[in-house]
ModelCIF file with pLDDT and N, C-alpha, C, O atoms, coordinates in Angstrom:
data_MODEL
#
_entry.id   MODEL 
#
_entity.id                         1 
_entity.type                       polymer 
_entity.pdbx_number_of_molecules   1 
#
_entity_poly.entity_id                      1 
_entity_poly.type                           'polypeptide(L)' 
_entity_poly.nstd_linkage                   no 
_entity_poly.nstd_monomer                   no 
_entity_poly.pdbx_seq_one_letter_code       VRPKTSGQKRYVDAVATNIVTFGIGPAGTGK 
_entity_poly.pdbx_seq_one_letter_code_can   VRPKTSGQKRYVDAVATNIVTFGIGPAGTGK 
_entity_poly.pdbx_strand_id                 A 
#
loop_
_entity_poly_seq.entity_id 
_entity_poly_seq.num 
_entity_poly_seq.mon_id 
_entity_poly_seq.hetero 
1 1  VAL n 
1 2  ARG n 
1 3  PRO n 
1 4  LYS n 
1 5  THR n 
1 6  SER n 
1 7  GLY n 
1 8  GLN n 
1 9  LYS n 
1 10 ARG n 
1 11 TYR n 
1 12 VAL n 
1 13 ASP n 
1 14 ALA n 
1 15 VAL n 
1 16 ALA n 
1 17 THR n 
1 18 ASN n 
1 19 ILE n 
1 20 VAL n 
1 21 THR n 
1 22 PHE n 
1 23 GLY n 
1 24 ILE n 
1 25 GLY n 
1 26 PRO n 
1 27 ALA n 
1 28 GLY n 
1 29 THR n 
1 30 GLY n 
1 31 LYS n 
#
_struct_asym.id          A 
_struct_asym.entity_id   1 
#
loop_
_ma_qa_metric.id 
_ma_qa_metric.mode 
_ma_qa_metric.name 
_ma_qa_metric.software_group_id 
_ma_qa_metric.type 
1 global pLDDT . pLDDT 
2 local  pLDDT . pLDDT 
#
_ma_qa_metric_global.metric_id      1 
_ma_qa_metric_global.metric_value   92.45 
_ma_qa_metric_global.model_id       1 
_ma_qa_metric_global.ordinal_id     1 
#
loop_
_ma_qa_metric_local.label_asym_id 
_ma_qa_metric_local.label_comp_id 
_ma_qa_metric_local.label_seq_id 
_ma_qa_metric_local.metric_id 
_ma_qa_metric_local.metric_value 
_ma_qa_metric_local.model_id 
_ma_qa_metric_local.ordinal_id 
A VAL 1  2 88.00 1 1  
A ARG 2  2 88.00 1 2  
A PRO 3  2 90.00 1 3  
A LYS 4  2 88.00 1 4  
A THR 5  2 88.00 1 5  
A SER 6  2 88.00 1 6  
A GLY 7  2 91.00 1 7  
A GLN 8  2 93.00 1 8  
A LYS 9  2 92.00 1 9  
A ARG 10 2 93.00 1 10 
A TYR 11 2 95.00 1 11 
A VAL 12 2 95.00 1 12 
A ASP 13 2 94.00 1 13 
A ALA 14 2 96.00 1 14 
A VAL 15 2 96.00 1 15 
A ALA 16 2 94.00 1 16 
A THR 17 2 95.00 1 17 
A ASN 18 2 96.00 1 18 
A ILE 19 2 96.00 1 19 
A VAL 20 2 97.00 1 20 
A THR 21 2 97.00 1 21 
A PHE 22 2 97.00 1 22 
A GLY 23 2 96.00 1 23 
A ILE 24 2 95.00 1 24 
A GLY 25 2 93.00 1 25 
A PRO 26 2 89.00 1 26 
A ALA 27 2 85.00 1 27 
A GLY 28 2 87.00 1 28 
A THR 29 2 91.00 1 29 
A GLY 30 2 90.00 1 30 
A LYS 31 2 93.00 1 31 
#
loop_
_atom_site.group_PDB 
_atom_site.id 
_atom_site.type_symbol 
_atom_site.label_atom_id 
_atom_site.label_alt_id 
_atom_site.label_comp_id 
_atom_site.label_asym_id 
_atom_site.label_entity_id 
_atom_site.label_seq_id 
_atom_site.pdbx_PDB_ins_code 
_atom_site.Cartn_x 
_atom_site.Cartn_y 
_atom_site.Cartn_z 
_atom_site.occupancy 
_atom_site.B_iso_or_equiv 
_atom_site.pdbx_formal_charge 
_atom_site.auth_seq_id 
_atom_site.auth_comp_id 
_atom_site.auth_asym_id 
_atom_site.auth_atom_id 
_atom_site.pdbx_PDB_model_num 
ATOM 1   N N  . VAL A 1 1  ? 7.992  8.367   7.327   1.00 88.00 ? 1  VAL A N  1 
ATOM 2   C CA . VAL A 1 1  ? 7.300  7.855   6.142   1.00 88.00 ? 1  VAL A CA 1 
ATOM 3   C C  . VAL A 1 1  ? 5.859  7.572   6.526   1.00 88.00 ? 1  VAL A C  1 
ATOM 4   O O  . VAL A 1 1  ? 5.595  6.804   7.451   1.00 88.00 ? 1  VAL A O  1 
ATOM 5   N N  . ARG A 1 2  ? 4.932  8.191   5.817   1.00 88.00 ? 2  ARG A N  1 
ATOM 6   C CA . ARG A 1 2  ? 3.503  8.013   6.084   1.00 88.00 ? 2  ARG A CA 1 
ATOM 7   C C  . ARG A 1 2  ? 2.770  7.832   4.766   1.00 88.00 ? 2  ARG A C  1 
ATOM 8   O O  . ARG A 1 2  ? 3.251  8.291   3.730   1.00 88.00 ? 2  ARG A O  1 
ATOM 9   N N  . PRO A 1 3  ? 1.607  7.168   4.781   1.00 90.00 ? 3  PRO A N  1 
ATOM 10  C CA . PRO A 1 3  ? 0.767  7.139   3.579   1.00 90.00 ? 3  PRO A CA 1 
ATOM 11  C C  . PRO A 1 3  ? 0.325  8.559   3.235   1.00 90.00 ? 3  PRO A C  1 
ATOM 12  O O  . PRO A 1 3  ? 0.121  9.390   4.120   1.00 90.00 ? 3  PRO A O  1 
ATOM 13  N N  . LYS A 1 4  ? 0.181  8.822   1.945   1.00 88.00 ? 4  LYS A N  1 
ATOM 14  C CA . LYS A 1 4  ? -0.255 10.154  1.505   1.00 88.00 ? 4  LYS A CA 1 
ATOM 15  C C  . LYS A 1 4  ? -1.614 10.126  0.825   1.00 88.00 ? 4  LYS A C  1 
ATOM 16  O O  . LYS A 1 4  ? -2.158 11.173  0.475   1.00 88.00 ? 4  LYS A O  1 
ATOM 17  N N  . THR A 1 5  ? -2.163 8.932   0.635   1.00 88.00 ? 5  THR A N  1 
ATOM 18  C CA . THR A 1 5  ? -3.496 8.791   0.044   1.00 88.00 ? 5  THR A CA 1 
ATOM 19  C C  . THR A 1 5  ? -4.231 7.665   0.751   1.00 88.00 ? 5  THR A C  1 
ATOM 20  O O  . THR A 1 5  ? -3.617 6.862   1.454   1.00 88.00 ? 5  THR A O  1 
ATOM 21  N N  . SER A 1 6  ? -5.548 7.604   0.565   1.00 88.00 ? 6  SER A N  1 
ATOM 22  C CA . SER A 1 6  ? -6.322 6.523   1.194   1.00 88.00 ? 6  SER A CA 1 
ATOM 23  C C  . SER A 1 6  ? -5.937 5.170   0.602   1.00 88.00 ? 6  SER A C  1 
ATOM 24  O O  . SER A 1 6  ? -5.957 4.160   1.306   1.00 88.00 ? 6  SER A O  1 
ATOM 25  N N  . GLY A 1 7  ? -5.584 5.142   -0.693  1.00 91.00 ? 7  GLY A N  1 
ATOM 26  C CA . GLY A 1 7  ? -5.135 3.890   -1.310  1.00 91.00 ? 7  GLY A CA 1 
ATOM 27  C C  . GLY A 1 7  ? -3.842 3.390   -0.679  1.00 91.00 ? 7  GLY A C  1 
ATOM 28  O O  . GLY A 1 7  ? -3.686 2.195   -0.428  1.00 91.00 ? 7  GLY A O  1 
ATOM 29  N N  . GLN A 1 8  ? -2.916 4.311   -0.423  1.00 93.00 ? 8  GLN A N  1 
ATOM 30  C CA . GLN A 1 8  ? -1.670 3.920   0.239   1.00 93.00 ? 8  GLN A CA 1 
ATOM 31  C C  . GLN A 1 8  ? -1.930 3.424   1.654   1.00 93.00 ? 8  GLN A C  1 
ATOM 32  O O  . GLN A 1 8  ? -1.266 2.501   2.125   1.00 93.00 ? 8  GLN A O  1 
ATOM 33  N N  . LYS A 1 9  ? -2.900 4.038   2.334   1.00 92.00 ? 9  LYS A N  1 
ATOM 34  C CA . LYS A 1 9  ? -3.254 3.566   3.683   1.00 92.00 ? 9  LYS A CA 1 
ATOM 35  C C  . LYS A 1 9  ? -3.797 2.136   3.621   1.00 92.00 ? 9  LYS A C  1 
ATOM 36  O O  . LYS A 1 9  ? -3.450 1.312   4.467   1.00 92.00 ? 9  LYS A O  1 
ATOM 37  N N  . ARG A 1 10 ? -4.645 1.829   2.632   1.00 93.00 ? 10 ARG A N  1 
ATOM 38  C CA . ARG A 1 10 ? -5.157 0.461   2.470   1.00 93.00 ? 10 ARG A CA 1 
ATOM 39  C C  . ARG A 1 10 ? -4.005 -0.511  2.225   1.00 93.00 ? 10 ARG A C  1 
ATOM 40  O O  . ARG A 1 10 ? -3.999 -1.623  2.752   1.00 93.00 ? 10 ARG A O  1 
ATOM 41  N N  . TYR A 1 11 ? -3.041 -0.087  1.432   1.00 95.00 ? 11 TYR A N  1 
ATOM 42  C CA . TYR A 1 11 ? -1.875 -0.908  1.104   1.00 95.00 ? 11 TYR A CA 1 
ATOM 43  C C  . TYR A 1 11 ? -1.065 -1.203  2.363   1.00 95.00 ? 11 TYR A C  1 
ATOM 44  O O  . TYR A 1 11 ? -0.702 -2.353  2.610   1.00 95.00 ? 11 TYR A O  1 
ATOM 45  N N  . VAL A 1 12 ? -0.780 -0.178  3.158   1.00 95.00 ? 12 VAL A N  1 
ATOM 46  C CA . VAL A 1 12 ? -0.022 -0.350  4.402   1.00 95.00 ? 12 VAL A CA 1 
ATOM 47  C C  . VAL A 1 12 ? -0.766 -1.274  5.363   1.00 95.00 ? 12 VAL A C  1 
ATOM 48  O O  . VAL A 1 12 ? -0.158 -2.151  5.977   1.00 95.00 ? 12 VAL A O  1 
ATOM 49  N N  . ASP A 1 13 ? -2.074 -1.082  5.496   1.00 94.00 ? 13 ASP A N  1 
ATOM 50  C CA . ASP A 1 13 ? -2.874 -1.938  6.386   1.00 94.00 ? 13 ASP A CA 1 
ATOM 51  C C  . ASP A 1 13 ? -2.880 -3.384  5.903   1.00 94.00 ? 13 ASP A C  1 
ATOM 52  O O  . ASP A 1 13 ? -2.838 -4.313  6.709   1.00 94.00 ? 13 ASP A O  1 
ATOM 53  N N  . ALA A 1 14 ? -2.933 -3.572  4.585   1.00 96.00 ? 14 ALA A N  1 
ATOM 54  C CA . ALA A 1 14 ? -2.941 -4.931  4.027   1.00 96.00 ? 14 ALA A CA 1 
ATOM 55  C C  . ALA A 1 14 ? -1.638 -5.656  4.336   1.00 96.00 ? 14 ALA A C  1 
ATOM 56  O O  . ALA A 1 14 ? -1.651 -6.835  4.690   1.00 96.00 ? 14 ALA A O  1 
ATOM 57  N N  . VAL A 1 15 ? -0.514 -4.955  4.205   1.00 96.00 ? 15 VAL A N  1 
ATOM 58  C CA . VAL A 1 15 ? 0.783  -5.570  4.513   1.00 96.00 ? 15 VAL A CA 1 
ATOM 59  C C  . VAL A 1 15 ? 0.855  -5.957  5.985   1.00 96.00 ? 15 VAL A C  1 
ATOM 60  O O  . VAL A 1 15 ? 1.412  -6.998  6.334   1.00 96.00 ? 15 VAL A O  1 
ATOM 61  N N  . ALA A 1 16 ? 0.291  -5.116  6.844   1.00 94.00 ? 16 ALA A N  1 
ATOM 62  C CA . ALA A 1 16 ? 0.334  -5.386  8.289   1.00 94.00 ? 16 ALA A CA 1 
ATOM 63  C C  . ALA A 1 16 ? -0.471 -6.622  8.669   1.00 94.00 ? 16 ALA A C  1 
ATOM 64  O O  . ALA A 1 16 ? -0.127 -7.313  9.628   1.00 94.00 ? 16 ALA A O  1 
ATOM 65  N N  . THR A 1 17 ? -1.541 -6.907  7.925   1.00 95.00 ? 17 THR A N  1 
ATOM 66  C CA . THR A 1 17 ? -2.469 -7.966  8.349   1.00 95.00 ? 17 THR A CA 1 
ATOM 67  C C  . THR A 1 17 ? -2.383 -9.245  7.511   1.00 95.00 ? 17 THR A C  1 
ATOM 68  O O  . THR A 1 17 ? -3.076 -10.219 7.806   1.00 95.00 ? 17 THR A O  1 
ATOM 69  N N  . ASN A 1 18 ? -1.547 -9.257  6.476   1.00 96.00 ? 18 ASN A N  1 
ATOM 70  C CA . ASN A 1 18 ? -1.454 -10.435 5.611   1.00 96.00 ? 18 ASN A CA 1 
ATOM 71  C C  . ASN A 1 18 ? -0.029 -10.956 5.527   1.00 96.00 ? 18 ASN A C  1 
ATOM 72  O O  . ASN A 1 18 ? 0.926  -10.245 5.839   1.00 96.00 ? 18 ASN A O  1 
ATOM 73  N N  . ILE A 1 19 ? 0.099  -12.199 5.105   1.00 96.00 ? 19 ILE A N  1 
ATOM 74  C CA . ILE A 1 19 ? 1.422  -12.794 4.904   1.00 96.00 ? 19 ILE A CA 1 
ATOM 75  C C  . ILE A 1 19 ? 1.963  -12.414 3.536   1.00 96.00 ? 19 ILE A C  1 
ATOM 76  O O  . ILE A 1 19 ? 3.152  -12.126 3.395   1.00 96.00 ? 19 ILE A O  1 
ATOM 77  N N  . VAL A 1 20 ? 1.103  -12.413 2.529   1.00 97.00 ? 20 VAL A N  1 
ATOM 78  C CA . VAL A 1 20 ? 1.503  -12.048 1.162   1.00 97.00 ? 20 VAL A CA 1 
ATOM 79  C C  . VAL A 1 20 ? 0.584  -10.933 0.680   1.00 97.00 ? 20 VAL A C  1 
ATOM 80  O O  . VAL A 1 20 ? -0.639 -11.078 0.681   1.00 97.00 ? 20 VAL A O  1 
ATOM 81  N N  . THR A 1 21 ? 1.181  -9.824  0.269   1.00 97.00 ? 21 THR A N  1 
ATOM 82  C CA . THR A 1 21 ? 0.412  -8.688  -0.236  1.00 97.00 ? 21 THR A CA 1 
ATOM 83  C C  . THR A 1 21 ? 0.924  -8.295  -1.610  1.00 97.00 ? 21 THR A C  1 
ATOM 84  O O  . THR A 1 21 ? 2.129  -8.170  -1.828  1.00 97.00 ? 21 THR A O  1 
ATOM 85  N N  . PHE A 1 22 ? -0.010 -8.101  -2.536  1.00 97.00 ? 22 PHE A N  1 
ATOM 86  C CA . PHE A 1 22 ? 0.321  -7.616  -3.872  1.00 97.00 ? 22 PHE A CA 1 
ATOM 87  C C  . PHE A 1 22 ? -0.102 -6.156  -3.975  1.00 97.00 ? 22 PHE A C  1 
ATOM 88  O O  . PHE A 1 22 ? -1.272 -5.830  -3.776  1.00 97.00 ? 22 PHE A O  1 
ATOM 89  N N  . GLY A 1 23 ? 0.844  -5.280  -4.285  1.00 96.00 ? 23 GLY A N  1 
ATOM 90  C CA . GLY A 1 23 ? 0.552  -3.870  -4.533  1.00 96.00 ? 23 GLY A CA 1 
ATOM 91  C C  . GLY A 1 23 ? 0.678  -3.591  -6.013  1.00 96.00 ? 23 GLY A C  1 
ATOM 92  O O  . GLY A 1 23 ? 1.782  -3.591  -6.557  1.00 96.00 ? 23 GLY A O  1 
ATOM 93  N N  . ILE A 1 24 ? -0.450 -3.352  -6.669  1.00 95.00 ? 24 ILE A N  1 
ATOM 94  C CA . ILE A 1 24 ? -0.462 -3.222  -8.128  1.00 95.00 ? 24 ILE A CA 1 
ATOM 95  C C  . ILE A 1 24 ? -0.933 -1.821  -8.490  1.00 95.00 ? 24 ILE A C  1 
ATOM 96  O O  . ILE A 1 24 ? -1.997 -1.389  -8.049  1.00 95.00 ? 24 ILE A O  1 
ATOM 97  N N  . GLY A 1 25 ? -0.147 -1.113  -9.288  1.00 93.00 ? 25 GLY A N  1 
ATOM 98  C CA . GLY A 1 25 ? -0.541 0.238   -9.654  1.00 93.00 ? 25 GLY A CA 1 
ATOM 99  C C  . GLY A 1 25 ? 0.501  0.920   -10.508 1.00 93.00 ? 25 GLY A C  1 
ATOM 100 O O  . GLY A 1 25 ? 1.593  0.385   -10.702 1.00 93.00 ? 25 GLY A O  1 
ATOM 101 N N  . PRO A 1 26 ? 0.178  2.100   -11.025 1.00 89.00 ? 26 PRO A N  1 
ATOM 102 C CA . PRO A 1 26 ? 1.080  2.801   -11.940 1.00 89.00 ? 26 PRO A CA 1 
ATOM 103 C C  . PRO A 1 26 ? 2.272  3.423   -11.221 1.00 89.00 ? 26 PRO A C  1 
ATOM 104 O O  . PRO A 1 26 ? 2.363  3.395   -9.994  1.00 89.00 ? 26 PRO A O  1 
ATOM 105 N N  . ALA A 1 27 ? 3.178  3.980   -12.008 1.00 85.00 ? 27 ALA A N  1 
ATOM 106 C CA . ALA A 1 27 ? 4.365  4.630   -11.464 1.00 85.00 ? 27 ALA A CA 1 
ATOM 107 C C  . ALA A 1 27 ? 3.969  5.770   -10.541 1.00 85.00 ? 27 ALA A C  1 
ATOM 108 O O  . ALA A 1 27 ? 2.987  6.472   -10.783 1.00 85.00 ? 27 ALA A O  1 
ATOM 109 N N  . GLY A 1 28 ? 4.749  5.944   -9.475  1.00 87.00 ? 28 GLY A N  1 
ATOM 110 C CA . GLY A 1 28 ? 4.539  7.079   -8.589  1.00 87.00 ? 28 GLY A CA 1 
ATOM 111 C C  . GLY A 1 28 ? 3.544  6.869   -7.477  1.00 87.00 ? 28 GLY A C  1 
ATOM 112 O O  . GLY A 1 28 ? 3.243  7.810   -6.742  1.00 87.00 ? 28 GLY A O  1 
ATOM 113 N N  . THR A 1 29 ? 3.015  5.651   -7.324  1.00 91.00 ? 29 THR A N  1 
ATOM 114 C CA . THR A 1 29 ? 2.020  5.407   -6.275  1.00 91.00 ? 29 THR A CA 1 
ATOM 115 C C  . THR A 1 29 ? 2.649  4.933   -4.962  1.00 91.00 ? 29 THR A C  1 
ATOM 116 O O  . THR A 1 29 ? 1.927  4.635   -4.010  1.00 91.00 ? 29 THR A O  1 
ATOM 117 N N  . GLY A 1 30 ? 3.976  4.859   -4.897  1.00 90.00 ? 30 GLY A N  1 
ATOM 118 C CA . GLY A 1 30 ? 4.652  4.515   -3.642  1.00 90.00 ? 30 GLY A CA 1 
ATOM 119 C C  . GLY A 1 30 ? 4.674  3.040   -3.317  1.00 90.00 ? 30 GLY A C  1 
ATOM 120 O O  . GLY A 1 30 ? 4.913  2.670   -2.167  1.00 90.00 ? 30 GLY A O  1 
ATOM 121 N N  . LYS A 1 31 ? 4.429  2.183   -4.300  1.00 93.00 ? 31 LYS A N  1 
ATOM 122 C CA . LYS A 1 31 ? 4.374  0.737   -4.041  1.00 93.00 ? 31 LYS A CA 1 
ATOM 123 C C  . LYS A 1 31 ? 5.682  0.227   -3.432  1.00 93.00 ? 31 LYS A C  1 
ATOM 124 O O  . LYS A 1 31 ? 5.809  -0.965  -3.152  1.00 93.00 ? 31 LYS A O  1 
#
């Protein structure tokens, strides 16, 4: 499983570095 877009990469990095992460976006973005 890998990020497929730069937005997904930002999301993965945010989860790694924060205690609470909100991933907000439309259907199909891999949240």
